[in-house]
Structures are given as C-alpha cells and as structure tokens.
Amino acid sequence: MKNKYEIIIYWSQEDRRFIAEVPELPGCMADGKTHKEALANVEVIIQEWIETAIELKRQIPQAKGKLMYA
C-alpha cells in the first residue's frame, strides 16, 4: 500500500522553479519547471526518503492525508 503524504507545491521566484515539499517527511522536497514536473520529482524523492529511513532504521511517519496545521 502506497502512503499518501501531503505535498505542497509553490512557485519560488528566487529559484524560478516550482518547489514541492512534503511537510511530514523532514527535508523531503524537489523542484521542477512545471507543477507536473515538480510533483513527479517529489514522488521519486518520497520513495528515496523512505528507502533511506529503512536503511538507517529510522521511523517513517504515517501519512495523515491532510495538513498537520489545518
């Protein structure tokens, strides 16, 4: 079963790219020239984040499916 983490996508004027962040996974973010590219890139990074956490025997947060501060 695939986890469904909240993904926030916004435009960074400084980077001139769309940034996709996953608040529940500290440091998990990616960028792209378009919303679609940023989303595709962050999906790869989510999987890599989880794989790294498993290798390091770190806890993997359960996806809440909504913003933590909503």
N, C-alpha and C. Protein backbone atom coordinates (compact mmCIF):
# COMPACT_ATOMS: atom_id res chain seq x y z
N MET A 1 0.84 -1.19 0.00
CA MET A 1 0.00 0.00 0.00
C MET A 1 0.88 1.25 0.00
N LYS A 2 0.59 2.15 -0.87
CA LYS A 2 1.38 3.37 -1.02
C LYS A 2 0.86 4.45 -0.08
N ASN A 3 1.77 5.08 0.65
CA ASN A 3 1.40 6.18 1.54
C ASN A 3 1.04 7.41 0.72
N LYS A 4 0.10 8.17 1.23
CA LYS A 4 -0.33 9.41 0.56
C LYS A 4 0.01 10.60 1.44
N TYR A 5 1.21 11.10 1.25
CA TYR A 5 1.66 12.24 2.04
C TYR A 5 1.17 13.54 1.40
N GLU A 6 0.91 14.52 2.25
CA GLU A 6 0.53 15.85 1.79
C GLU A 6 1.71 16.46 1.05
N ILE A 7 1.46 17.02 -0.12
CA ILE A 7 2.50 17.67 -0.92
C ILE A 7 2.06 19.11 -1.17
N ILE A 8 2.94 20.04 -0.85
CA ILE A 8 2.66 21.45 -1.08
C ILE A 8 3.55 21.91 -2.23
N ILE A 9 2.93 22.50 -3.25
CA ILE A 9 3.69 22.99 -4.41
C ILE A 9 3.51 24.51 -4.50
N TYR A 10 4.62 25.20 -4.65
CA TYR A 10 4.57 26.66 -4.76
C TYR A 10 5.67 27.14 -5.71
N TRP A 11 5.51 28.34 -6.19
CA TRP A 11 6.48 28.96 -7.09
C TRP A 11 7.54 29.68 -6.27
N SER A 12 8.81 29.44 -6.59
CA SER A 12 9.92 30.14 -5.96
C SER A 12 10.47 31.14 -6.97
N GLN A 13 10.24 32.41 -6.72
CA GLN A 13 10.75 33.45 -7.61
C GLN A 13 12.27 33.43 -7.63
N GLU A 14 12.87 33.19 -6.45
CA GLU A 14 14.32 33.16 -6.34
C GLU A 14 14.94 32.05 -7.22
N ASP A 15 14.34 30.87 -7.16
CA ASP A 15 14.85 29.74 -7.94
C ASP A 15 14.28 29.68 -9.35
N ARG A 16 13.18 30.41 -9.56
CA ARG A 16 12.44 30.40 -10.83
C ARG A 16 12.02 28.98 -11.19
N ARG A 17 11.53 28.26 -10.18
CA ARG A 17 11.07 26.87 -10.31
C ARG A 17 9.91 26.65 -9.35
N PHE A 18 9.14 25.62 -9.63
CA PHE A 18 8.13 25.18 -8.69
C PHE A 18 8.80 24.27 -7.67
N ILE A 19 8.46 24.46 -6.40
CA ILE A 19 9.02 23.67 -5.31
C ILE A 19 7.90 22.79 -4.76
N ALA A 20 8.19 21.52 -4.55
CA ALA A 20 7.24 20.59 -3.95
C ALA A 20 7.83 20.11 -2.63
N GLU A 21 7.10 20.36 -1.53
CA GLU A 21 7.56 19.96 -0.20
C GLU A 21 6.60 18.95 0.40
N VAL A 22 7.16 18.05 1.23
CA VAL A 22 6.37 17.05 1.95
C VAL A 22 6.57 17.33 3.44
N PRO A 23 5.65 18.09 4.07
CA PRO A 23 5.84 18.51 5.45
C PRO A 23 6.03 17.36 6.45
N GLU A 24 5.42 16.22 6.21
CA GLU A 24 5.51 15.10 7.15
C GLU A 24 6.85 14.36 7.09
N LEU A 25 7.62 14.60 6.03
CA LEU A 25 8.93 13.96 5.87
C LEU A 25 10.00 15.06 5.88
N PRO A 26 10.62 15.31 7.01
CA PRO A 26 11.58 16.41 7.12
C PRO A 26 12.65 16.39 6.02
N GLY A 27 12.79 17.55 5.37
CA GLY A 27 13.80 17.70 4.33
C GLY A 27 13.42 17.12 2.99
N CYS A 28 12.22 16.57 2.88
CA CYS A 28 11.79 15.94 1.63
C CYS A 28 11.17 17.00 0.72
N MET A 29 11.89 17.31 -0.35
CA MET A 29 11.42 18.31 -1.31
C MET A 29 12.09 18.11 -2.65
N ALA A 30 11.47 18.66 -3.68
CA ALA A 30 12.01 18.59 -5.04
C ALA A 30 11.54 19.83 -5.79
N ASP A 31 12.07 20.01 -6.98
CA ASP A 31 11.64 21.15 -7.79
C ASP A 31 11.37 20.70 -9.22
N GLY A 32 10.87 21.64 -10.01
CA GLY A 32 10.61 21.36 -11.42
C GLY A 32 10.23 22.64 -12.14
N LYS A 33 10.31 22.60 -13.46
CA LYS A 33 9.94 23.77 -14.27
C LYS A 33 8.44 23.99 -14.30
N THR A 34 7.67 22.91 -14.06
CA THR A 34 6.21 22.98 -14.05
C THR A 34 5.69 22.30 -12.79
N HIS A 35 4.39 22.52 -12.49
CA HIS A 35 3.75 21.81 -11.37
C HIS A 35 3.92 20.31 -11.55
N LYS A 36 3.63 19.87 -12.77
CA LYS A 36 3.66 18.43 -13.07
C LYS A 36 5.06 17.84 -12.86
N GLU A 37 6.07 18.55 -13.31
CA GLU A 37 7.45 18.08 -13.15
C GLU A 37 7.85 18.06 -11.68
N ALA A 38 7.48 19.09 -10.93
CA ALA A 38 7.80 19.13 -9.50
C ALA A 38 7.12 17.98 -8.77
N LEU A 39 5.87 17.69 -9.12
CA LEU A 39 5.15 16.59 -8.49
C LEU A 39 5.80 15.25 -8.82
N ALA A 40 6.14 15.03 -10.08
CA ALA A 40 6.80 13.78 -10.48
C ALA A 40 8.14 13.62 -9.76
N ASN A 41 8.89 14.70 -9.66
CA ASN A 41 10.20 14.64 -8.99
C ASN A 41 10.06 14.34 -7.50
N VAL A 42 9.07 14.95 -6.85
CA VAL A 42 8.92 14.72 -5.41
C VAL A 42 8.42 13.31 -5.12
N GLU A 43 7.67 12.71 -6.02
CA GLU A 43 7.24 11.32 -5.83
C GLU A 43 8.46 10.40 -5.78
N VAL A 44 9.45 10.66 -6.61
CA VAL A 44 10.70 9.88 -6.59
C VAL A 44 11.43 10.12 -5.27
N ILE A 45 11.49 11.37 -4.85
CA ILE A 45 12.20 11.72 -3.62
C ILE A 45 11.52 11.12 -2.40
N ILE A 46 10.19 11.06 -2.39
CA ILE A 46 9.47 10.42 -1.28
C ILE A 46 9.92 8.97 -1.15
N GLN A 47 9.96 8.26 -2.26
CA GLN A 47 10.38 6.86 -2.23
C GLN A 47 11.82 6.72 -1.74
N GLU A 48 12.70 7.60 -2.21
CA GLU A 48 14.10 7.57 -1.77
C GLU A 48 14.21 7.91 -0.28
N TRP A 49 13.40 8.85 0.19
CA TRP A 49 13.41 9.23 1.59
C TRP A 49 13.04 8.02 2.45
N ILE A 50 11.98 7.32 2.05
CA ILE A 50 11.52 6.14 2.79
C ILE A 50 12.57 5.03 2.75
N GLU A 51 13.16 4.78 1.59
CA GLU A 51 14.20 3.75 1.48
C GLU A 51 15.39 4.06 2.37
N THR A 52 15.78 5.32 2.42
CA THR A 52 16.91 5.73 3.27
C THR A 52 16.56 5.56 4.74
N ALA A 53 15.35 5.94 5.13
CA ALA A 53 14.92 5.78 6.52
C ALA A 53 14.94 4.30 6.92
N ILE A 54 14.51 3.42 6.03
CA ILE A 54 14.53 1.98 6.31
C ILE A 54 15.97 1.51 6.50
N GLU A 55 16.86 1.92 5.60
CA GLU A 55 18.27 1.52 5.70
C GLU A 55 18.90 1.99 7.00
N LEU A 56 18.52 3.18 7.45
CA LEU A 56 19.08 3.75 8.67
C LEU A 56 18.29 3.35 9.92
N LYS A 57 17.27 2.52 9.71
CA LYS A 57 16.41 2.05 10.81
C LYS A 57 15.76 3.22 11.56
N ARG A 58 15.30 4.19 10.79
CA ARG A 58 14.61 5.35 11.38
C ARG A 58 13.11 5.19 11.19
N GLN A 59 12.37 5.83 12.06
CA GLN A 59 10.91 5.77 11.99
C GLN A 59 10.41 6.50 10.75
N ILE A 60 9.40 5.91 10.11
CA ILE A 60 8.78 6.52 8.94
C ILE A 60 7.41 7.03 9.38
N PRO A 61 7.18 8.34 9.30
CA PRO A 61 5.88 8.88 9.71
C PRO A 61 4.74 8.31 8.88
N GLN A 62 3.63 8.02 9.56
CA GLN A 62 2.43 7.57 8.87
C GLN A 62 1.80 8.76 8.17
N ALA A 63 1.37 8.60 6.94
CA ALA A 63 0.72 9.69 6.21
C ALA A 63 -0.61 10.03 6.88
N LYS A 64 -0.82 11.31 7.13
CA LYS A 64 -2.06 11.74 7.77
C LYS A 64 -3.11 12.10 6.73
N GLY A 65 -2.68 12.37 5.51
CA GLY A 65 -3.63 12.67 4.45
C GLY A 65 -4.19 14.07 4.45
N LYS A 66 -3.72 14.91 5.38
CA LYS A 66 -4.13 16.31 5.39
C LYS A 66 -3.04 17.12 6.06
N LEU A 67 -3.08 18.40 5.90
CA LEU A 67 -2.08 19.26 6.51
C LEU A 67 -2.11 19.12 8.02
N MET A 68 -0.94 19.05 8.62
CA MET A 68 -0.83 18.90 10.06
C MET A 68 -1.38 20.13 10.80
N TYR A 69 -1.30 21.29 10.17
CA TYR A 69 -1.69 22.53 10.85
C TYR A 69 -3.03 23.05 10.37
N ALA A 70 -3.77 22.22 9.64
CA ALA A 70 -5.09 22.65 9.14
C ALA A 70 -6.14 22.53 10.21
